[in-house]
Amino acid sequence: MPRLRLTGAVSIASTALLGCVFLASALLKAVDPKETVAALEHALSLAQADRPGAGLLFYSLISIELLLGSALLARIASVHALFISGILLVGFTGWIVYLMASDAKVGCGCGLALRTETEAESLKIALARNVTLLGVAALGITCALKTRRLQHEEVDNTGQQTQPDGVLPSHALSGDRD
């Protein structure tokens, strides 16, 4: 039972942290879109695509981050949302690594970038942040799945799931409201 509480709490904390990060990132991008639009224009120029597409990508990215952050905070299908956030973070981290390796003169477009003296320092900080967030996502997924497994082990002989005192209902721990 203590393991169930611990894994449930870690899952909830991981999901909430990532939800806040994605919401903050989307809101900060909306307030100051310059760096993100510049990064998207740079990416489109690499793909030899039209730069006006940066605006559409910008609004799509903000929408995805707002929806994902909201889903994580509302704990709607949280295991799935954690997987999606992990996939997005892998992509964002790959973008940062590319920018660092190519010495591009454009910021990551993260929305959460810290202003430093050089772009290289800012990218190093963004890389460290994203690697940490990937770890948080992996921990959240692991704990959410372990919580589900522990809940299934607590089923008594009548086939009814037990709800010991002080333990959150199963939907609150697993985060799935589907």
N, C-alpha and C. Protein backbone atom coordinates (compact mmCIF):
# COMPACT_ATOMS: atom_id res chain seq x y z
N MET A 1 0.81 -1.20 0.00
CA MET A 1 0.00 0.00 0.00
C MET A 1 0.85 1.27 0.00
N PRO A 2 1.93 1.36 0.79
CA PRO A 2 2.77 2.55 0.72
C PRO A 2 3.40 2.74 -0.67
N ARG A 3 3.74 1.61 -1.34
CA ARG A 3 4.30 1.71 -2.69
C ARG A 3 3.27 2.30 -3.64
N LEU A 4 2.01 1.92 -3.46
CA LEU A 4 0.94 2.44 -4.31
C LEU A 4 0.81 3.95 -4.11
N ARG A 5 0.84 4.39 -2.88
CA ARG A 5 0.75 5.82 -2.60
C ARG A 5 1.93 6.59 -3.18
N LEU A 6 3.13 6.03 -3.01
CA LEU A 6 4.33 6.70 -3.50
C LEU A 6 4.33 6.79 -5.02
N THR A 7 4.07 5.68 -5.70
CA THR A 7 4.08 5.72 -7.16
C THR A 7 2.97 6.60 -7.69
N GLY A 8 1.82 6.59 -7.03
CA GLY A 8 0.72 7.48 -7.44
C GLY A 8 1.09 8.94 -7.26
N ALA A 9 1.73 9.27 -6.16
CA ALA A 9 2.13 10.65 -5.90
C ALA A 9 3.19 11.12 -6.89
N VAL A 10 4.15 10.27 -7.20
CA VAL A 10 5.20 10.63 -8.16
C VAL A 10 4.59 10.82 -9.54
N SER A 11 3.67 9.94 -9.90
CA SER A 11 2.99 10.07 -11.20
C SER A 11 2.22 11.39 -11.29
N ILE A 12 1.51 11.72 -10.24
CA ILE A 12 0.74 12.97 -10.21
C ILE A 12 1.67 14.18 -10.28
N ALA A 13 2.75 14.16 -9.51
CA ALA A 13 3.69 15.28 -9.50
C ALA A 13 4.37 15.45 -10.87
N SER A 14 4.78 14.35 -11.49
CA SER A 14 5.42 14.41 -12.81
C SER A 14 4.46 14.98 -13.85
N THR A 15 3.24 14.49 -13.80
CA THR A 15 2.23 14.95 -14.76
C THR A 15 1.94 16.43 -14.57
N ALA A 16 1.83 16.87 -13.34
CA ALA A 16 1.55 18.29 -13.06
C ALA A 16 2.71 19.18 -13.50
N LEU A 17 3.94 18.75 -13.21
CA LEU A 17 5.10 19.55 -13.60
C LEU A 17 5.16 19.70 -15.12
N LEU A 18 5.02 18.61 -15.85
CA LEU A 18 5.06 18.69 -17.31
C LEU A 18 3.90 19.51 -17.86
N GLY A 19 2.73 19.38 -17.25
CA GLY A 19 1.59 20.19 -17.68
C GLY A 19 1.87 21.67 -17.53
N CYS A 20 2.44 22.05 -16.40
CA CYS A 20 2.80 23.46 -16.17
C CYS A 20 3.85 23.94 -17.16
N VAL A 21 4.83 23.10 -17.46
CA VAL A 21 5.90 23.48 -18.40
C VAL A 21 5.32 23.72 -19.79
N PHE A 22 4.47 22.80 -20.25
CA PHE A 22 3.90 22.96 -21.59
C PHE A 22 2.97 24.18 -21.66
N LEU A 23 2.18 24.41 -20.63
CA LEU A 23 1.32 25.61 -20.62
C LEU A 23 2.15 26.88 -20.59
N ALA A 24 3.17 26.92 -19.74
CA ALA A 24 4.02 28.11 -19.64
C ALA A 24 4.73 28.37 -20.97
N SER A 25 5.23 27.32 -21.58
CA SER A 25 5.92 27.45 -22.86
C SER A 25 4.99 28.03 -23.93
N ALA A 26 3.78 27.52 -24.01
CA ALA A 26 2.82 28.01 -24.99
C ALA A 26 2.46 29.47 -24.74
N LEU A 27 2.22 29.80 -23.48
CA LEU A 27 1.82 31.18 -23.15
C LEU A 27 2.97 32.16 -23.40
N LEU A 28 4.18 31.77 -23.05
CA LEU A 28 5.32 32.66 -23.29
C LEU A 28 5.61 32.82 -24.78
N LYS A 29 5.40 31.77 -25.56
CA LYS A 29 5.54 31.89 -27.01
C LYS A 29 4.50 32.85 -27.57
N ALA A 30 3.29 32.77 -27.06
CA ALA A 30 2.22 33.65 -27.55
C ALA A 30 2.50 35.11 -27.20
N VAL A 31 3.09 35.35 -26.04
CA VAL A 31 3.40 36.72 -25.62
C VAL A 31 4.54 37.30 -26.44
N ASP A 32 5.57 36.50 -26.69
CA ASP A 32 6.74 36.96 -27.44
C ASP A 32 7.12 35.91 -28.48
N PRO A 33 6.51 35.99 -29.67
CA PRO A 33 6.70 34.94 -30.67
C PRO A 33 7.97 35.06 -31.52
N LYS A 34 8.74 36.12 -31.37
CA LYS A 34 9.87 36.38 -32.28
C LYS A 34 10.84 35.21 -32.38
N GLU A 35 11.34 34.72 -31.26
CA GLU A 35 12.35 33.66 -31.29
C GLU A 35 11.78 32.37 -31.88
N THR A 36 10.56 32.04 -31.52
CA THR A 36 9.95 30.81 -32.02
C THR A 36 9.72 30.90 -33.53
N VAL A 37 9.21 32.03 -34.00
CA VAL A 37 8.98 32.20 -35.44
C VAL A 37 10.32 32.16 -36.19
N ALA A 38 11.36 32.78 -35.63
CA ALA A 38 12.69 32.75 -36.27
C ALA A 38 13.20 31.31 -36.34
N ALA A 39 13.02 30.54 -35.28
CA ALA A 39 13.46 29.14 -35.28
C ALA A 39 12.68 28.33 -36.30
N LEU A 40 11.37 28.57 -36.40
CA LEU A 40 10.55 27.85 -37.38
C LEU A 40 10.92 28.23 -38.81
N GLU A 41 11.19 29.51 -39.03
CA GLU A 41 11.63 29.95 -40.36
C GLU A 41 12.95 29.30 -40.73
N HIS A 42 13.85 29.19 -39.76
CA HIS A 42 15.14 28.52 -40.00
C HIS A 42 14.90 27.06 -40.37
N ALA A 43 14.03 26.38 -39.64
CA ALA A 43 13.73 24.97 -39.93
C ALA A 43 13.11 24.82 -41.31
N LEU A 44 12.21 25.74 -41.67
CA LEU A 44 11.57 25.67 -42.98
C LEU A 44 12.57 25.94 -44.10
N SER A 45 13.52 26.84 -43.85
CA SER A 45 14.52 27.12 -44.88
C SER A 45 15.41 25.90 -45.11
N LEU A 46 15.65 25.12 -44.07
CA LEU A 46 16.42 23.88 -44.22
C LEU A 46 15.67 22.87 -45.07
N ALA A 47 14.36 22.86 -44.93
CA ALA A 47 13.52 21.94 -45.69
C ALA A 47 13.15 22.51 -47.05
N GLN A 48 13.65 23.69 -47.36
CA GLN A 48 13.35 24.41 -48.59
C GLN A 48 11.84 24.59 -48.78
N ALA A 49 11.18 24.89 -47.69
CA ALA A 49 9.74 25.12 -47.70
C ALA A 49 9.49 26.63 -47.62
N ASP A 50 8.27 27.01 -47.86
CA ASP A 50 7.90 28.43 -47.80
C ASP A 50 7.97 28.94 -46.38
N ARG A 51 8.58 30.09 -46.23
CA ARG A 51 8.68 30.69 -44.89
C ARG A 51 7.33 31.17 -44.35
N PRO A 52 6.37 31.54 -45.18
CA PRO A 52 5.06 31.90 -44.61
C PRO A 52 4.43 30.76 -43.81
N GLY A 53 4.88 29.53 -44.04
CA GLY A 53 4.37 28.40 -43.28
C GLY A 53 4.76 28.46 -41.82
N ALA A 54 5.71 29.33 -41.46
CA ALA A 54 6.13 29.45 -40.06
C ALA A 54 4.97 29.92 -39.19
N GLY A 55 4.13 30.79 -39.72
CA GLY A 55 2.98 31.26 -38.94
C GLY A 55 2.02 30.14 -38.61
N LEU A 56 1.72 29.30 -39.60
CA LEU A 56 0.83 28.17 -39.37
C LEU A 56 1.45 27.18 -38.38
N LEU A 57 2.74 26.91 -38.55
CA LEU A 57 3.43 26.02 -37.60
C LEU A 57 3.44 26.61 -36.20
N PHE A 58 3.63 27.92 -36.12
CA PHE A 58 3.67 28.59 -34.82
C PHE A 58 2.35 28.39 -34.08
N TYR A 59 1.23 28.66 -34.74
CA TYR A 59 -0.08 28.52 -34.09
C TYR A 59 -0.40 27.06 -33.80
N SER A 60 0.05 26.17 -34.67
CA SER A 60 -0.15 24.74 -34.43
C SER A 60 0.62 24.29 -33.19
N LEU A 61 1.88 24.73 -33.09
CA LEU A 61 2.71 24.37 -31.94
C LEU A 61 2.11 24.88 -30.64
N ILE A 62 1.67 26.13 -30.64
CA ILE A 62 1.06 26.69 -29.43
C ILE A 62 -0.20 25.91 -29.06
N SER A 63 -1.01 25.58 -30.06
CA SER A 63 -2.25 24.83 -29.80
C SER A 63 -1.95 23.46 -29.21
N ILE A 64 -0.97 22.76 -29.78
CA ILE A 64 -0.60 21.44 -29.27
C ILE A 64 -0.11 21.54 -27.84
N GLU A 65 0.74 22.53 -27.56
CA GLU A 65 1.27 22.67 -26.20
C GLU A 65 0.17 23.04 -25.21
N LEU A 66 -0.76 23.90 -25.61
CA LEU A 66 -1.87 24.26 -24.72
C LEU A 66 -2.75 23.05 -24.43
N LEU A 67 -3.08 22.29 -25.47
CA LEU A 67 -3.92 21.11 -25.28
C LEU A 67 -3.22 20.05 -24.43
N LEU A 68 -1.95 19.81 -24.73
CA LEU A 68 -1.20 18.81 -23.98
C LEU A 68 -1.03 19.23 -22.52
N GLY A 69 -0.65 20.48 -22.29
CA GLY A 69 -0.51 20.97 -20.92
C GLY A 69 -1.81 20.89 -20.14
N SER A 70 -2.91 21.25 -20.80
CA SER A 70 -4.23 21.17 -20.15
C SER A 70 -4.60 19.73 -19.84
N ALA A 71 -4.35 18.82 -20.78
CA ALA A 71 -4.66 17.41 -20.56
C ALA A 71 -3.84 16.85 -19.40
N LEU A 72 -2.57 17.22 -19.35
CA LEU A 72 -1.73 16.74 -18.25
C LEU A 72 -2.22 17.27 -16.91
N LEU A 73 -2.54 18.55 -16.84
CA LEU A 73 -3.01 19.11 -15.56
C LEU A 73 -4.38 18.59 -15.16
N ALA A 74 -5.24 18.33 -16.14
CA ALA A 74 -6.56 17.79 -15.84
C ALA A 74 -6.52 16.28 -15.62
N ARG A 75 -5.35 15.68 -15.86
CA ARG A 75 -5.14 14.24 -15.72
C ARG A 75 -6.08 13.43 -16.60
N ILE A 76 -6.26 13.93 -17.83
CA ILE A 76 -7.07 13.22 -18.81
C ILE A 76 -6.12 12.32 -19.60
N ALA A 77 -6.35 11.03 -19.53
CA ALA A 77 -5.50 10.04 -20.21
C ALA A 77 -4.03 10.37 -19.96
N SER A 78 -3.67 10.51 -18.71
CA SER A 78 -2.34 11.03 -18.37
C SER A 78 -1.19 10.16 -18.85
N VAL A 79 -1.35 8.85 -18.87
CA VAL A 79 -0.25 8.01 -19.36
C VAL A 79 -0.01 8.31 -20.83
N HIS A 80 -1.07 8.43 -21.59
CA HIS A 80 -0.94 8.75 -23.01
C HIS A 80 -0.36 10.16 -23.19
N ALA A 81 -0.83 11.09 -22.39
CA ALA A 81 -0.32 12.46 -22.47
C ALA A 81 1.16 12.51 -22.08
N LEU A 82 1.56 11.71 -21.11
CA LEU A 82 2.98 11.64 -20.74
C LEU A 82 3.81 11.08 -21.89
N PHE A 83 3.30 10.05 -22.57
CA PHE A 83 4.01 9.51 -23.73
C PHE A 83 4.15 10.58 -24.82
N ILE A 84 3.07 11.29 -25.10
CA ILE A 84 3.11 12.33 -26.13
C ILE A 84 4.09 13.43 -25.74
N SER A 85 4.07 13.82 -24.45
CA SER A 85 5.01 14.86 -24.02
C SER A 85 6.45 14.37 -24.16
N GLY A 86 6.69 13.10 -23.87
CA GLY A 86 8.03 12.55 -24.05
C GLY A 86 8.47 12.58 -25.51
N ILE A 87 7.56 12.24 -26.41
CA ILE A 87 7.87 12.27 -27.84
C ILE A 87 8.18 13.70 -28.29
N LEU A 88 7.36 14.65 -27.85
CA LEU A 88 7.62 16.05 -28.20
C LEU A 88 8.96 16.51 -27.63
N LEU A 89 9.26 16.13 -26.41
CA LEU A 89 10.52 16.53 -25.80
C LEU A 89 11.72 15.93 -26.53
N VAL A 90 11.59 14.72 -27.01
CA VAL A 90 12.67 14.12 -27.81
C VAL A 90 12.89 14.96 -29.07
N GLY A 91 11.81 15.33 -29.74
CA GLY A 91 11.92 16.17 -30.93
C GLY A 91 12.53 17.52 -30.64
N PHE A 92 12.06 18.16 -29.57
CA PHE A 92 12.58 19.48 -29.19
C PHE A 92 14.06 19.39 -28.83
N THR A 93 14.42 18.32 -28.12
CA THR A 93 15.82 18.14 -27.72
C THR A 93 16.70 17.89 -28.94
N GLY A 94 16.20 17.13 -29.89
CA GLY A 94 16.93 16.91 -31.13
C GLY A 94 17.16 18.22 -31.88
N TRP A 95 16.16 19.10 -31.87
CA TRP A 95 16.29 20.41 -32.50
C TRP A 95 17.40 21.23 -31.83
N ILE A 96 17.43 21.20 -30.51
CA ILE A 96 18.46 21.94 -29.78
C ILE A 96 19.85 21.39 -30.10
N VAL A 97 19.97 20.06 -30.14
CA VAL A 97 21.26 19.44 -30.46
C VAL A 97 21.69 19.84 -31.88
N TYR A 98 20.74 19.84 -32.81
CA TYR A 98 21.06 20.27 -34.18
C TYR A 98 21.57 21.71 -34.19
N LEU A 99 20.87 22.60 -33.49
CA LEU A 99 21.29 24.01 -33.47
C LEU A 99 22.68 24.16 -32.87
N MET A 100 22.97 23.39 -31.82
CA MET A 100 24.29 23.45 -31.19
C MET A 100 25.37 22.94 -32.16
N ALA A 101 25.07 21.86 -32.86
CA ALA A 101 26.07 21.25 -33.75
C ALA A 101 26.31 22.08 -35.00
N SER A 102 25.30 22.80 -35.44
CA SER A 102 25.44 23.56 -36.69
C SER A 102 25.86 25.01 -36.46
N ASP A 103 26.02 25.41 -35.21
CA ASP A 103 26.36 26.80 -34.88
C ASP A 103 25.39 27.79 -35.52
N ALA A 104 24.13 27.42 -35.56
CA ALA A 104 23.10 28.30 -36.12
C ALA A 104 22.97 29.54 -35.26
N LYS A 105 22.67 30.63 -35.89
CA LYS A 105 22.53 31.91 -35.17
C LYS A 105 21.06 32.20 -34.86
N VAL A 106 20.37 31.17 -34.41
CA VAL A 106 18.97 31.30 -34.07
C VAL A 106 18.74 30.58 -32.74
N GLY A 107 17.82 31.10 -31.94
CA GLY A 107 17.50 30.48 -30.67
C GLY A 107 16.67 29.23 -30.87
N CYS A 108 16.46 28.49 -29.81
CA CYS A 108 15.72 27.23 -29.91
C CYS A 108 14.24 27.44 -30.17
N GLY A 109 13.71 28.60 -29.81
CA GLY A 109 12.29 28.85 -29.98
C GLY A 109 11.45 28.16 -28.93
N CYS A 110 12.07 27.82 -27.81
CA CYS A 110 11.40 27.04 -26.77
C CYS A 110 10.31 27.80 -26.03
N GLY A 111 10.43 29.09 -25.98
CA GLY A 111 9.51 29.87 -25.18
C GLY A 111 9.98 30.00 -23.74
N LEU A 112 10.80 29.07 -23.31
CA LEU A 112 11.30 29.07 -21.93
C LEU A 112 12.79 29.37 -21.87
N ALA A 113 13.35 29.78 -23.00
CA ALA A 113 14.80 30.02 -23.05
C ALA A 113 15.20 31.15 -22.11
N LEU A 114 16.29 30.92 -21.40
CA LEU A 114 16.84 31.95 -20.53
C LEU A 114 17.76 32.83 -21.35
N ARG A 115 17.71 34.10 -21.11
CA ARG A 115 18.59 35.03 -21.82
C ARG A 115 19.96 34.99 -21.18
N THR A 116 20.95 34.67 -22.00
CA THR A 116 22.32 34.63 -21.52
C THR A 116 23.17 35.49 -22.45
N GLU A 117 24.45 35.57 -22.14
CA GLU A 117 25.33 36.40 -22.95
C GLU A 117 25.48 35.88 -24.37
N THR A 118 25.50 34.56 -24.53
CA THR A 118 25.66 34.01 -25.86
C THR A 118 24.54 33.02 -26.16
N GLU A 119 24.28 32.83 -27.45
CA GLU A 119 23.27 31.86 -27.87
C GLU A 119 23.68 30.45 -27.48
N ALA A 120 24.99 30.16 -27.54
CA ALA A 120 25.50 28.82 -27.19
C ALA A 120 25.18 28.49 -25.72
N GLU A 121 25.34 29.45 -24.82
CA GLU A 121 25.02 29.23 -23.40
C GLU A 121 23.53 28.96 -23.23
N SER A 122 22.72 29.73 -23.94
CA SER A 122 21.27 29.57 -23.86
C SER A 122 20.85 28.18 -24.34
N LEU A 123 21.48 27.71 -25.41
CA LEU A 123 21.16 26.38 -25.94
C LEU A 123 21.60 25.28 -24.97
N LYS A 124 22.74 25.46 -24.29
CA LYS A 124 23.19 24.47 -23.31
C LYS A 124 22.20 24.37 -22.16
N ILE A 125 21.70 25.51 -21.72
CA ILE A 125 20.70 25.51 -20.64
C ILE A 125 19.42 24.84 -21.11
N ALA A 126 18.99 25.14 -22.34
CA ALA A 126 17.78 24.53 -22.89
C ALA A 126 17.95 23.02 -23.01
N LEU A 127 19.14 22.57 -23.42
CA LEU A 127 19.40 21.14 -23.54
C LEU A 127 19.32 20.46 -22.17
N ALA A 128 19.94 21.06 -21.17
CA ALA A 128 19.90 20.50 -19.81
C ALA A 128 18.46 20.43 -19.30
N ARG A 129 17.69 21.49 -19.54
CA ARG A 129 16.29 21.52 -19.11
C ARG A 129 15.50 20.41 -19.79
N ASN A 130 15.68 20.25 -21.11
CA ASN A 130 14.91 19.24 -21.84
C ASN A 130 15.29 17.82 -21.43
N VAL A 131 16.57 17.57 -21.20
CA VAL A 131 16.99 16.25 -20.75
C VAL A 131 16.37 15.95 -19.38
N THR A 132 16.34 16.95 -18.51
CA THR A 132 15.71 16.79 -17.20
C THR A 132 14.22 16.50 -17.35
N LEU A 133 13.55 17.23 -18.24
CA LEU A 133 12.12 17.02 -18.46
C LEU A 133 11.85 15.65 -19.08
N LEU A 134 12.76 15.18 -19.93
CA LEU A 134 12.62 13.81 -20.46
C LEU A 134 12.69 12.79 -19.33
N GLY A 135 13.58 13.03 -18.37
CA GLY A 135 13.66 12.15 -17.20
C GLY A 135 12.38 12.20 -16.37
N VAL A 136 11.81 13.38 -16.22
CA VAL A 136 10.55 13.53 -15.49
C VAL A 136 9.43 12.76 -16.21
N ALA A 137 9.39 12.89 -17.54
CA ALA A 137 8.37 12.17 -18.31
C ALA A 137 8.55 10.66 -18.16
N ALA A 138 9.77 10.18 -18.26
CA ALA A 138 10.04 8.75 -18.11
C ALA A 138 9.66 8.26 -16.72
N LEU A 139 10.00 9.04 -15.70
CA LEU A 139 9.64 8.68 -14.32
C LEU A 139 8.12 8.66 -14.15
N GLY A 140 7.45 9.66 -14.70
CA GLY A 140 5.99 9.73 -14.61
C GLY A 140 5.32 8.54 -15.27
N ILE A 141 5.81 8.17 -16.47
CA ILE A 141 5.24 7.03 -17.18
C ILE A 141 5.47 5.75 -16.38
N THR A 142 6.69 5.58 -15.90
CA THR A 142 7.03 4.38 -15.14
C THR A 142 6.15 4.26 -13.89
N CYS A 143 6.00 5.35 -13.16
CA CYS A 143 5.20 5.32 -11.93
C CYS A 143 3.72 5.14 -12.23
N ALA A 144 3.22 5.75 -13.29
CA ALA A 144 1.81 5.59 -13.64
C ALA A 144 1.51 4.13 -14.01
N LEU A 145 2.40 3.52 -14.77
CA LEU A 145 2.19 2.11 -15.15
C LEU A 145 2.33 1.19 -13.94
N LYS A 146 3.29 1.51 -13.06
CA LYS A 146 3.47 0.70 -11.85
C LYS A 146 2.25 0.85 -10.93
N THR A 147 1.70 2.05 -10.85
CA THR A 147 0.50 2.28 -10.05
C THR A 147 -0.65 1.42 -10.56
N ARG A 148 -0.81 1.37 -11.87
CA ARG A 148 -1.86 0.52 -12.44
C ARG A 148 -1.65 -0.94 -12.06
N ARG A 149 -0.40 -1.40 -12.18
CA ARG A 149 -0.10 -2.79 -11.85
C ARG A 149 -0.39 -3.07 -10.38
N LEU A 150 0.02 -2.17 -9.49
CA LEU A 150 -0.22 -2.36 -8.06
C LEU A 150 -1.71 -2.35 -7.73
N GLN A 151 -2.46 -1.53 -8.44
CA GLN A 151 -3.90 -1.50 -8.21
C GLN A 151 -4.54 -2.83 -8.58
N HIS A 152 -4.08 -3.41 -9.69
CA HIS A 152 -4.63 -4.70 -10.11
C HIS A 152 -4.26 -5.81 -9.14
N GLU A 153 -3.12 -5.68 -8.47
CA GLU A 153 -2.71 -6.69 -7.49
C GLU A 153 -3.55 -6.61 -6.22
N GLU A 154 -4.22 -5.48 -5.99
CA GLU A 154 -5.01 -5.30 -4.77
C GLU A 154 -6.46 -5.77 -4.92
N VAL A 155 -6.76 -6.38 -6.01
CA VAL A 155 -8.12 -6.88 -6.21
C VAL A 155 -8.33 -8.06 -5.26
N ASP A 156 -9.43 -8.01 -4.50
CA ASP A 156 -9.66 -9.09 -3.54
C ASP A 156 -10.36 -10.28 -4.20
N ASN A 157 -10.70 -11.28 -3.41
CA ASN A 157 -11.26 -12.54 -3.92
C ASN A 157 -12.59 -12.36 -4.62
N THR A 158 -13.34 -11.34 -4.30
CA THR A 158 -14.65 -11.15 -4.91
C THR A 158 -14.56 -10.42 -6.24
N GLY A 159 -13.37 -10.06 -6.62
CA GLY A 159 -13.20 -9.34 -7.88
C GLY A 159 -13.40 -7.84 -7.73
N GLN A 160 -13.59 -7.38 -6.51
CA GLN A 160 -13.78 -5.95 -6.26
C GLN A 160 -12.44 -5.32 -5.90
N GLN A 161 -12.20 -4.14 -6.43
CA GLN A 161 -10.96 -3.46 -6.11
C GLN A 161 -11.09 -2.84 -4.73
N THR A 162 -10.06 -3.04 -3.92
CA THR A 162 -10.09 -2.51 -2.56
C THR A 162 -9.74 -1.04 -2.57
N GLN A 163 -10.28 -0.32 -1.62
CA GLN A 163 -9.98 1.11 -1.44
C GLN A 163 -9.62 1.33 0.02
N PRO A 164 -8.41 1.01 0.42
CA PRO A 164 -8.02 1.21 1.81
C PRO A 164 -8.09 2.68 2.20
N ASP A 165 -8.25 2.90 3.50
CA ASP A 165 -8.31 4.28 3.98
C ASP A 165 -7.05 5.03 3.60
N GLY A 166 -7.22 6.26 3.14
CA GLY A 166 -6.10 7.11 2.82
C GLY A 166 -5.55 6.92 1.42
N VAL A 167 -6.08 5.97 0.66
CA VAL A 167 -5.61 5.75 -0.71
C VAL A 167 -6.60 6.42 -1.65
N LEU A 168 -6.07 7.15 -2.61
CA LEU A 168 -6.92 7.81 -3.58
C LEU A 168 -7.64 6.78 -4.43
N PRO A 169 -8.81 7.13 -4.97
CA PRO A 169 -9.50 6.20 -5.87
C PRO A 169 -8.60 5.85 -7.05
N SER A 170 -8.83 4.70 -7.65
CA SER A 170 -7.95 4.21 -8.70
C SER A 170 -7.85 5.18 -9.87
N HIS A 171 -8.93 5.85 -10.25
CA HIS A 171 -8.84 6.78 -11.39
C HIS A 171 -7.98 7.99 -11.05
N ALA A 172 -7.90 8.36 -9.80
CA ALA A 172 -7.07 9.51 -9.42
C ALA A 172 -5.59 9.16 -9.47
N LEU A 173 -5.27 7.90 -9.15
CA LEU A 173 -3.86 7.51 -9.17
C LEU A 173 -3.36 7.22 -10.56
N SER A 174 -4.17 6.57 -11.37
CA SER A 174 -3.71 6.22 -12.71
C SER A 174 -3.81 7.41 -13.63
N GLY A 175 -4.72 8.35 -13.30
CA GLY A 175 -4.85 9.55 -14.12
C GLY A 175 -5.70 9.35 -15.34
N ASP A 176 -6.30 8.17 -15.51
CA ASP A 176 -7.10 7.94 -16.70
C ASP A 176 -8.57 8.18 -16.40
N ARG A 177 -9.15 9.07 -17.15
CA ARG A 177 -10.56 9.35 -17.02
C ARG A 177 -11.27 9.00 -18.32
N ASP A 178 -10.63 8.19 -19.16
CA ASP A 178 -11.24 7.84 -20.45
C ASP A 178 -12.44 6.96 -20.23
